Amino acid sequence: MGNLSEGILQTTDKILLEKLSLEEIVTFCQHQGFSCAAYQRPDANTRDIIIDFSQGKNLSHLHLDEMGSGFIFHPFSSENHQIKFINCDIHISENKETRKRQLVHSTISSEALNSLFQNFSDYQKDFEDSQIQTKNQVEMDQIQKSGFIELVQKTIGEIQKDKFQKAVIARTKEIELPKAFNSFEFFDSLCSIYQNAFVYISYIPNIGIWLGATPENLININTEKQFQTTALAATQPYLEHIPLEDTTWSQKDIEEQAMVSRYIVNCFKKIRLREFEEVGPRTHLSGNLVHLKTDYKVDMETVAFPQLGTVMLELLHPTSAVCGLPKETSLDFILANEGFDREYYSGFLGPVNMQDETNIFVNLRCMKLLNTHAKLYSGAGIISNSNPEKEWNETEIKMDTLLKALKELY
C-alpha cells in the first residue's frame, strides 16, 4: 500500500473530505457492497473509517504480521463463522471537535477516487430506505427469563460436580427499532456517551451491520512495541453519588475477576513470560456500569518477543470473561446448552497494524441490525456461588448500555 501524495490529497479533499460526511461515506460503501468499519478508540480525539473495495477477505490464521493494515472481525467460534478482515484500501480520520477530516491513506489514484464517489447522490435516497436490511430474517424465539435462570441453575450444578470452575452464559433480546432509526446517528451518539470505550459500526456483506461500545481490551500494541491486555470482570450499575474508589464488591465479584486475572497470568506462564507489569484490580467506569479491571503490560523489545501479540491472541480467545474455565470444558458446555448462535458477539474486533498500532477488543455491549429490529447480546459469568436472579439482572443492565442510548436518542 502506498500513501497518497500531497497533490492527490488536495485534489480529492473536495469530494471525499469536504462534500461527504462519514455517514454518507459509510452509506455509500454499504450500497456498493464494500466492507467498512468506522470506530472511535477509548479516550481518542478522532474517529476513523476503514474502507475495503471488496467484501473483505477470510482469514485462516491469526498471524498479525501477515495481515497487513485493516480491521479484524472475529466470531466467538470460528467453526461456524468466517474470520473476516477489512483491508485498509482507504483510511479517513476525523477530528471529533472540529469534524475536519484527513485522508490518511489510499491505494487508488485521485482520478479513481473522484470517479468512485462523484455519483454518490444517485444512490443516497435508495439506500436510505433500506439501510438496516440484511439477508437474515428476524429470529422470533428468545431466551426468556425462566429459561435463562434454569440454564444458570444447571451450570451451577455442573460446577458443583467439578465439571468446570466457571462458565459465561449469554442471552439475546430482540427489539423493534424506531422508525426514525439511523445507524450512523446511533453510532455518533454512542461515541459521545461512551468516550472511554471502543465504539464501532461495521458493515460486511453477508454478515451485516453490527454496532457496539465495548469496554474490554483484548490486546493492544502501540508504536513503541508495548503490549497490553486486560482482565475485566464483575459488573454493577454506576452510582454517581459514590466515588469510584469507594465502590464495594461482593466476594463473588472479586472471585470472578481473580479467575480472569489468573487466566491471563497462566497464558504468560505457558510461553514462559515472567517480565510483565500488573496494575490492579481497580474499579473501572464504563458508561453506566463499573467493573473490576487489571491491566497487564509487556515491553516486547525488552523480552525480545516480536510475535507476542499473535501468540497471546491465540491463547487468550475466548477468554474466561466470555467463555469460562477451563476453556475447553466450559466452551463445550456453552455450545451444547446455550441455545443460540453467538455469531460475532464475544468474539473480537478492531484495527490491526494501523499506523504501527494494533487495538483489538472483545465484542461486548453490541447489537446486530436485522430487518426492522436489532438483536442485543449479553452474558454473565457463573461460578459456584452465583445467584441466578442476580445473573439475569446483570445481563439486563449490560443490555441497557445500548438501550438507554437508544431511548435518549429517539
Protein backbone atom coordinates (compact mmCIF):
# COMPACT_ATOMS: atom_id res chain seq x y z
CA MET A 1 0.00 0.00 0.00
CA GLY A 2 1.33 3.36 -0.97
CA ASN A 3 0.41 6.68 0.61
CA LEU A 4 -1.19 9.39 -1.47
CA SER A 5 0.93 12.39 -2.39
CA GLU A 6 0.07 15.87 -1.14
CA GLY A 7 -1.20 16.80 -4.58
CA ILE A 8 -3.64 13.89 -4.64
CA LEU A 9 -4.91 14.84 -1.19
CA GLN A 10 -5.65 18.35 -2.40
CA THR A 11 -7.44 17.00 -5.44
CA THR A 12 -9.63 14.54 -3.55
CA ASP A 13 -10.30 16.60 -0.42
CA LYS A 14 -13.16 18.47 -2.09
CA ILE A 15 -15.01 15.27 -2.90
CA LEU A 16 -14.06 12.85 -0.17
CA LEU A 17 -13.30 15.06 2.79
CA GLU A 18 -15.48 18.15 2.42
CA LYS A 19 -18.59 17.22 0.48
CA LEU A 20 -19.31 13.88 2.17
CA SER A 21 -19.79 13.18 5.87
CA LEU A 22 -18.56 9.95 7.44
CA GLU A 23 -22.18 8.79 7.50
CA GLU A 24 -22.53 9.36 3.76
CA ILE A 25 -19.26 7.54 3.11
CA VAL A 26 -20.40 4.52 5.19
CA THR A 27 -23.78 4.58 3.45
CA PHE A 28 -22.13 4.65 0.04
CA CYS A 29 -19.89 1.69 0.95
CA GLN A 30 -22.91 -0.34 2.06
CA HIS A 31 -24.72 0.42 -1.18
CA GLN A 32 -21.66 -0.55 -3.24
CA GLY A 33 -21.05 -3.76 -1.29
CA PHE A 34 -17.73 -2.56 0.15
CA SER A 35 -16.77 -3.73 3.64
CA CYS A 36 -16.14 -0.87 6.04
CA ALA A 37 -15.75 -0.04 9.69
CA ALA A 38 -15.95 3.29 11.50
CA TYR A 39 -14.66 3.40 15.05
CA GLN A 40 -13.56 5.54 17.97
CA ARG A 41 -10.81 4.29 20.25
CA PRO A 42 -11.06 4.87 24.02
CA ASP A 43 -10.34 8.48 25.00
CA ALA A 44 -9.26 9.34 21.46
CA ASN A 45 -9.87 12.74 19.84
CA THR A 46 -10.51 11.21 16.42
CA ARG A 47 -12.91 8.85 14.71
CA ASP A 48 -11.64 6.67 11.89
CA ILE A 49 -13.09 4.78 8.97
CA ILE A 50 -11.51 1.94 7.01
CA ILE A 51 -12.88 1.01 3.58
CA ASP A 52 -12.20 -2.19 1.65
CA PHE A 53 -13.09 -2.15 -2.06
CA SER A 54 -14.26 -5.75 -1.72
CA GLN A 55 -16.42 -7.83 0.61
CA GLY A 56 -13.42 -8.33 2.89
CA LYS A 57 -11.16 -11.36 2.97
CA ASN A 58 -11.48 -14.53 5.03
CA LEU A 59 -8.60 -15.31 7.38
CA SER A 60 -7.44 -18.85 8.01
CA HIS A 61 -4.91 -17.90 10.70
CA LEU A 62 -4.19 -15.06 13.12
CA HIS A 63 -0.63 -14.00 12.31
CA LEU A 64 -0.79 -10.26 12.93
CA ASP A 65 2.39 -9.52 10.98
CA GLU A 66 0.92 -11.15 7.86
CA MET A 67 -2.50 -9.48 7.92
CA GLY A 68 -1.45 -6.10 6.62
CA SER A 69 -3.35 -2.99 7.72
CA GLY A 70 -7.08 -3.21 8.31
CA PHE A 71 -9.86 -4.19 10.69
CA ILE A 72 -10.41 -7.70 12.04
CA PHE A 73 -13.90 -9.06 12.82
CA HIS A 74 -13.61 -12.43 14.56
CA PRO A 75 -16.53 -14.62 15.67
CA PHE A 76 -16.93 -16.27 19.05
CA SER A 77 -16.36 -19.64 17.35
CA SER A 78 -14.59 -19.86 14.01
CA GLU A 79 -16.04 -23.35 13.44
CA ASN A 80 -19.37 -21.88 12.34
CA HIS A 81 -18.45 -18.39 11.10
CA GLN A 82 -15.70 -16.89 9.00
CA ILE A 83 -12.92 -14.72 10.38
CA LYS A 84 -13.28 -11.52 8.37
CA PHE A 85 -10.67 -8.87 7.65
CA ILE A 86 -11.43 -5.44 6.18
CA ASN A 87 -8.37 -4.42 4.20
CA CYS A 88 -7.31 -0.80 4.50
CA ASP A 89 -7.82 0.40 0.95
CA ILE A 90 -8.94 3.77 2.31
CA HIS A 91 -8.30 5.26 5.77
CA ILE A 92 -10.01 8.51 6.76
CA SER A 93 -9.63 10.19 10.14
CA GLU A 94 -11.97 12.83 11.53
CA ASN A 95 -11.34 15.20 14.44
CA LYS A 96 -14.23 14.82 16.90
CA GLU A 97 -14.39 18.51 17.80
CA THR A 98 -13.77 20.27 14.50
CA ARG A 99 -15.16 17.48 12.26
CA LYS A 100 -12.21 18.17 9.98
CA ARG A 101 -11.35 15.04 8.00
CA GLN A 102 -8.00 13.81 6.75
CA LEU A 103 -7.34 11.22 4.09
CA VAL A 104 -4.61 9.23 5.80
CA HIS A 105 -4.13 6.51 3.22
CA SER A 106 -5.41 5.30 -0.14
CA THR A 107 -4.45 2.54 -2.53
CA ILE A 108 -6.02 4.17 -5.59
CA SER A 109 -5.34 7.34 -7.55
CA SER A 110 -7.12 10.67 -7.18
CA GLU A 111 -8.88 10.12 -10.50
CA ALA A 112 -10.21 6.77 -9.35
CA LEU A 113 -11.44 8.26 -6.08
CA ASN A 114 -13.16 11.07 -7.94
CA SER A 115 -14.87 8.59 -10.23
CA LEU A 116 -15.88 6.36 -7.35
CA PHE A 117 -17.59 8.99 -5.21
CA GLN A 118 -18.85 11.53 -7.74
CA ASN A 119 -22.16 9.72 -8.28
CA PHE A 120 -22.94 9.29 -4.58
CA SER A 121 -26.14 11.35 -4.77
CA ASP A 122 -27.60 8.87 -7.27
CA TYR A 123 -27.55 6.13 -4.65
CA GLN A 124 -28.24 8.01 -1.44
CA LYS A 125 -32.04 8.02 -1.40
CA ASP A 126 -32.37 4.41 -2.50
CA PHE A 127 -30.18 3.25 0.35
CA GLU A 128 -31.84 5.40 2.99
CA ASP A 129 -34.97 3.28 2.60
CA SER A 130 -33.13 0.02 3.22
CA GLN A 131 -30.03 0.87 5.21
CA ILE A 132 -30.74 -1.61 8.01
CA GLN A 133 -31.75 -4.51 5.79
CA THR A 134 -29.79 -7.74 5.94
CA LYS A 135 -30.32 -11.11 4.37
CA ASN A 136 -31.14 -12.61 7.75
CA GLN A 137 -34.75 -12.96 8.91
CA VAL A 138 -35.74 -11.75 12.32
CA GLU A 139 -35.47 -14.64 14.75
CA MET A 140 -38.56 -14.57 16.94
CA ASP A 141 -37.54 -17.20 19.51
CA GLN A 142 -35.81 -15.60 22.52
CA ILE A 143 -34.38 -16.99 25.68
CA GLN A 144 -36.89 -15.89 28.30
CA LYS A 145 -36.05 -15.26 31.91
CA SER A 146 -37.23 -18.66 33.14
CA GLY A 147 -35.12 -20.45 30.55
CA PHE A 148 -32.04 -18.38 31.38
CA ILE A 149 -32.40 -18.98 35.11
CA GLU A 150 -32.90 -22.69 34.51
CA LEU A 151 -29.69 -22.80 32.49
CA VAL A 152 -27.80 -20.87 35.19
CA GLN A 153 -29.02 -23.39 37.77
CA LYS A 154 -27.83 -26.23 35.55
CA THR A 155 -24.47 -24.50 35.15
CA ILE A 156 -24.07 -24.12 38.91
CA GLY A 157 -24.88 -27.81 39.30
CA GLU A 158 -22.16 -28.77 36.83
CA ILE A 159 -19.66 -26.53 38.62
CA GLN A 160 -20.53 -28.12 41.95
CA LYS A 161 -19.85 -31.50 40.34
CA ASP A 162 -16.36 -30.18 39.45
CA LYS A 163 -17.04 -30.35 35.70
CA PHE A 164 -15.55 -26.85 35.35
CA GLN A 165 -14.96 -23.77 37.54
CA LYS A 166 -16.81 -21.10 35.59
CA ALA A 167 -18.97 -20.67 32.50
CA VAL A 168 -20.26 -17.48 30.93
CA ILE A 169 -23.91 -17.88 29.97
CA ALA A 170 -25.23 -15.44 27.39
CA ARG A 171 -28.65 -14.49 26.08
CA THR A 172 -30.20 -12.32 23.39
CA LYS A 173 -33.03 -9.81 23.22
CA GLU A 174 -34.71 -8.57 20.06
CA ILE A 175 -36.13 -5.06 20.00
CA GLU A 176 -38.11 -3.18 17.40
CA LEU A 177 -36.19 -0.19 16.12
CA PRO A 178 -37.80 3.27 15.98
CA LYS A 179 -38.96 4.25 12.50
CA ALA A 180 -36.55 7.19 12.63
CA PHE A 181 -33.60 4.93 13.49
CA ASN A 182 -30.39 5.83 11.71
CA SER A 183 -27.46 3.50 12.33
CA PHE A 184 -24.77 6.14 11.95
CA GLU A 185 -26.65 8.65 14.08
CA PHE A 186 -26.77 5.99 16.79
CA PHE A 187 -23.03 5.30 16.36
CA ASP A 188 -22.39 9.04 16.71
CA SER A 189 -24.42 9.11 19.91
CA LEU A 190 -22.53 6.13 21.37
CA CYS A 191 -19.25 7.91 20.62
CA SER A 192 -20.41 10.88 22.68
CA ILE A 193 -21.75 8.86 25.60
CA TYR A 194 -19.05 6.18 25.91
CA GLN A 195 -15.82 8.05 25.31
CA ASN A 196 -13.71 5.59 27.30
CA ALA A 197 -14.99 2.56 25.35
CA PHE A 198 -14.21 1.23 21.89
CA VAL A 199 -17.22 2.29 19.82
CA TYR A 200 -17.78 0.96 16.32
CA ILE A 201 -20.13 0.40 13.43
CA SER A 202 -19.15 -2.20 10.85
CA TYR A 203 -20.65 -3.46 7.63
CA ILE A 204 -19.52 -6.65 5.90
CA PRO A 205 -21.59 -8.16 3.06
CA ASN A 206 -23.44 -11.35 4.12
CA ILE A 207 -22.63 -10.59 7.77
CA GLY A 208 -24.49 -7.33 8.07
CA ILE A 209 -24.28 -4.26 10.26
CA TRP A 210 -23.01 -4.51 13.82
CA LEU A 211 -22.65 -1.72 16.39
CA GLY A 212 -21.15 -1.69 19.84
CA ALA A 213 -19.45 0.13 22.69
CA THR A 214 -17.13 -2.37 24.34
CA PRO A 215 -15.05 -1.70 27.47
CA GLU A 216 -12.76 -4.72 27.21
CA ASN A 217 -9.34 -4.55 25.63
CA LEU A 218 -8.09 -7.93 24.38
CA ILE A 219 -4.66 -6.88 23.10
CA ASN A 220 -3.08 -3.53 22.32
CA ILE A 221 0.33 -2.96 20.75
CA ASN A 222 1.44 0.66 20.49
CA THR A 223 4.08 2.32 18.33
CA GLU A 224 6.72 1.70 21.00
CA LYS A 225 6.01 -2.06 20.95
CA GLN A 226 4.34 -2.02 24.34
CA PHE A 227 1.90 -4.93 24.64
CA GLN A 228 -1.17 -4.64 26.88
CA THR A 229 -4.07 -6.88 27.80
CA THR A 230 -6.81 -6.54 30.41
CA ALA A 231 -8.68 -8.68 32.90
CA LEU A 232 -12.17 -7.19 33.14
CA ALA A 233 -14.94 -8.84 35.13
CA ALA A 234 -17.69 -8.18 37.70
CA THR A 235 -20.45 -5.70 36.89
CA GLN A 236 -22.69 -3.33 38.78
CA PRO A 237 -24.51 -0.09 37.95
CA TYR A 238 -22.58 3.14 38.33
CA LEU A 239 -23.85 5.30 41.20
CA GLU A 240 -22.84 8.91 40.69
CA HIS A 241 -23.04 9.80 44.39
CA ILE A 242 -20.42 7.17 45.29
CA PRO A 243 -16.75 7.86 44.39
CA LEU A 244 -15.27 5.08 42.28
CA GLU A 245 -12.66 4.29 44.93
CA ASP A 246 -15.45 3.68 47.46
CA THR A 247 -17.27 1.11 45.32
CA THR A 248 -17.80 -2.12 47.23
CA TRP A 249 -17.61 -5.54 45.61
CA SER A 250 -19.08 -8.86 46.67
CA GLN A 251 -16.98 -11.95 47.25
CA LYS A 252 -18.49 -13.42 44.09
CA ASP A 253 -17.36 -10.40 42.04
CA ILE A 254 -13.84 -10.49 43.47
CA GLU A 255 -13.54 -14.22 42.85
CA GLU A 256 -14.79 -13.91 39.27
CA GLN A 257 -12.32 -11.13 38.46
CA ALA A 258 -9.48 -13.09 40.06
CA MET A 259 -10.26 -16.03 37.75
CA VAL A 260 -9.88 -13.82 34.68
CA SER A 261 -6.60 -12.41 36.02
CA ARG A 262 -5.22 -15.88 36.75
CA TYR A 263 -6.19 -16.95 33.24
CA ILE A 264 -4.03 -14.22 31.72
CA VAL A 265 -1.11 -14.98 34.04
CA ASN A 266 -1.37 -18.67 33.13
CA CYS A 267 -1.18 -17.71 29.43
CA PHE A 268 2.05 -15.85 30.21
CA LYS A 269 3.34 -18.94 32.04
CA LYS A 270 2.60 -21.16 29.03
CA ILE A 271 5.03 -19.12 26.94
CA ARG A 272 7.45 -18.72 29.89
CA LEU A 273 6.99 -14.97 30.05
CA ARG A 274 7.78 -13.62 33.51
CA GLU A 275 8.60 -9.98 32.80
CA PHE A 276 5.25 -8.22 32.85
CA GLU A 277 3.71 -5.34 34.77
CA GLU A 278 0.44 -5.88 36.62
CA VAL A 279 -1.74 -2.92 37.63
CA GLY A 280 -4.94 -3.53 39.56
CA PRO A 281 -7.51 -4.71 40.29
CA ARG A 282 -9.28 -1.37 40.46
CA THR A 283 -12.79 -0.13 39.81
CA HIS A 284 -13.26 0.94 36.20
CA LEU A 285 -16.08 3.13 34.90
CA SER A 286 -17.58 2.29 31.50
CA GLY A 287 -20.65 4.33 30.68
CA ASN A 288 -23.44 3.38 33.08
CA LEU A 289 -21.53 0.41 34.54
CA VAL A 290 -18.49 -0.24 36.71
CA HIS A 291 -16.22 -3.28 36.57
CA LEU A 292 -13.11 -4.64 38.25
CA LYS A 293 -10.12 -4.22 35.97
CA THR A 294 -6.47 -5.32 35.98
CA ASP A 295 -4.04 -4.27 33.24
CA TYR A 296 -1.03 -6.29 32.12
CA LYS A 297 1.83 -4.70 30.18
CA VAL A 298 4.88 -6.17 28.47
CA ASP A 299 7.75 -4.42 26.68
CA MET A 300 8.05 -6.62 23.58
CA GLU A 301 11.53 -5.37 22.72
CA THR A 302 12.87 -5.92 26.24
CA VAL A 303 11.66 -9.52 26.27
CA ALA A 304 12.70 -10.00 22.61
CA PHE A 305 9.29 -11.41 21.67
CA PRO A 306 8.07 -9.69 18.47
CA GLN A 307 5.33 -12.33 17.95
CA LEU A 308 3.83 -11.81 21.41
CA GLY A 309 0.66 -10.22 20.03
CA THR A 310 -0.10 -13.15 17.73
CA VAL A 311 0.73 -15.76 20.36
CA MET A 312 -1.37 -14.12 23.07
CA LEU A 313 -4.29 -13.56 20.71
CA GLU A 314 -4.47 -17.29 20.04
CA LEU A 315 -4.03 -18.18 23.72
CA LEU A 316 -6.49 -15.66 25.13
CA HIS A 317 -9.53 -16.13 22.91
CA PRO A 318 -12.09 -16.99 24.08
CA THR A 319 -11.12 -15.50 27.41
CA SER A 320 -12.53 -16.70 30.69
CA ALA A 321 -14.51 -13.44 30.79
CA VAL A 322 -16.66 -14.59 27.84
CA CYS A 323 -16.26 -18.38 27.99
CA GLY A 324 -15.10 -19.91 31.27
CA LEU A 325 -12.54 -22.09 33.00
CA PRO A 326 -11.16 -24.47 31.91
CA LYS A 327 -11.65 -23.05 28.42
CA GLU A 328 -12.28 -26.30 26.54
CA THR A 329 -14.77 -27.79 29.02
CA SER A 330 -16.76 -24.62 29.52
CA LEU A 331 -16.81 -23.93 25.78
CA ASP A 332 -18.24 -27.39 25.10
CA PHE A 333 -20.92 -26.79 27.73
CA ILE A 334 -21.85 -23.39 26.27
CA LEU A 335 -22.12 -24.67 22.70
CA ALA A 336 -24.23 -27.60 23.82
CA ASN A 337 -26.59 -25.74 26.17
CA GLU A 338 -26.82 -22.03 25.44
CA GLY A 339 -29.44 -22.50 22.72
CA PHE A 340 -28.46 -19.79 20.23
CA ASP A 341 -25.61 -18.82 17.94
CA ARG A 342 -23.46 -16.02 19.37
CA GLU A 343 -22.10 -15.27 15.88
CA TYR A 344 -19.70 -12.34 16.41
CA TYR A 345 -20.80 -11.44 19.93
CA SER A 346 -17.95 -12.16 22.40
CA GLY A 347 -15.56 -12.58 19.51
CA PHE A 348 -13.06 -9.78 18.94
CA LEU A 349 -12.55 -6.87 16.60
CA GLY A 350 -10.53 -3.76 15.94
CA PRO A 351 -7.86 -2.03 13.83
CA VAL A 352 -4.74 -4.06 13.08
CA ASN A 353 -1.37 -2.61 12.00
CA MET A 354 -2.89 0.83 11.56
CA GLN A 355 -0.17 3.48 11.75
CA ASP A 356 2.04 0.96 13.58
CA GLU A 357 -0.57 0.21 16.23
CA THR A 358 -2.95 -2.69 16.89
CA ASN A 359 -6.03 -2.23 19.08
CA ILE A 360 -8.21 -5.33 19.43
CA PHE A 361 -11.23 -5.50 21.74
CA VAL A 362 -13.69 -8.17 22.89
CA ASN A 363 -17.02 -7.64 21.11
CA LEU A 364 -19.27 -6.87 24.08
CA ARG A 365 -22.19 -4.41 24.56
CA CYS A 366 -23.07 -4.94 20.92
CA MET A 367 -26.03 -5.48 18.64
CA LYS A 368 -26.70 -6.78 15.16
CA LEU A 369 -29.16 -4.93 12.95
CA LEU A 370 -31.89 -7.04 11.40
CA ASN A 371 -34.84 -6.10 9.21
CA THR A 372 -36.78 -3.65 11.37
CA HIS A 373 -35.30 -5.00 14.60
CA ALA A 374 -31.99 -5.28 16.40
CA LYS A 375 -30.61 -8.24 18.30
CA LEU A 376 -28.76 -7.41 21.51
CA TYR A 377 -26.43 -9.75 23.36
CA SER A 378 -25.10 -10.01 26.91
CA GLY A 379 -23.78 -12.62 29.29
CA ALA A 380 -22.92 -13.29 32.92
CA GLY A 381 -20.09 -15.23 34.49
CA ILE A 382 -21.41 -18.17 36.53
CA ILE A 383 -19.42 -19.65 39.41
CA SER A 384 -20.40 -21.94 42.28
CA ASN A 385 -21.94 -19.23 44.47
CA SER A 386 -23.79 -17.36 41.71
CA ASN A 387 -27.36 -16.22 42.27
CA PRO A 388 -29.47 -16.93 39.14
CA GLU A 389 -31.77 -13.93 39.68
CA LYS A 390 -28.81 -11.57 40.06
CA GLU A 391 -27.17 -13.02 36.96
CA TRP A 392 -30.32 -12.28 34.96
CA ASN A 393 -30.27 -8.72 36.28
CA GLU A 394 -26.62 -8.38 35.27
CA THR A 395 -27.44 -9.30 31.68
CA GLU A 396 -30.24 -6.72 31.75
CA ILE A 397 -28.04 -3.84 32.90
CA LYS A 398 -25.41 -4.77 30.33
CA MET A 399 -28.00 -4.53 27.57
CA ASP A 400 -29.01 -1.14 28.96
CA THR A 401 -25.67 0.20 27.73
CA LEU A 402 -27.17 0.37 24.25
CA LEU A 403 -30.89 0.52 25.15
CA LYS A 404 -30.55 3.68 27.24
CA ALA A 405 -28.57 5.37 24.48
CA LEU A 406 -31.26 4.37 22.00
CA LYS A 407 -34.07 5.73 24.20
CA GLU A 408 -32.25 9.01 24.77
CA LEU A 409 -31.72 9.50 21.04
CA TYR A 410 -35.26 8.59 19.92
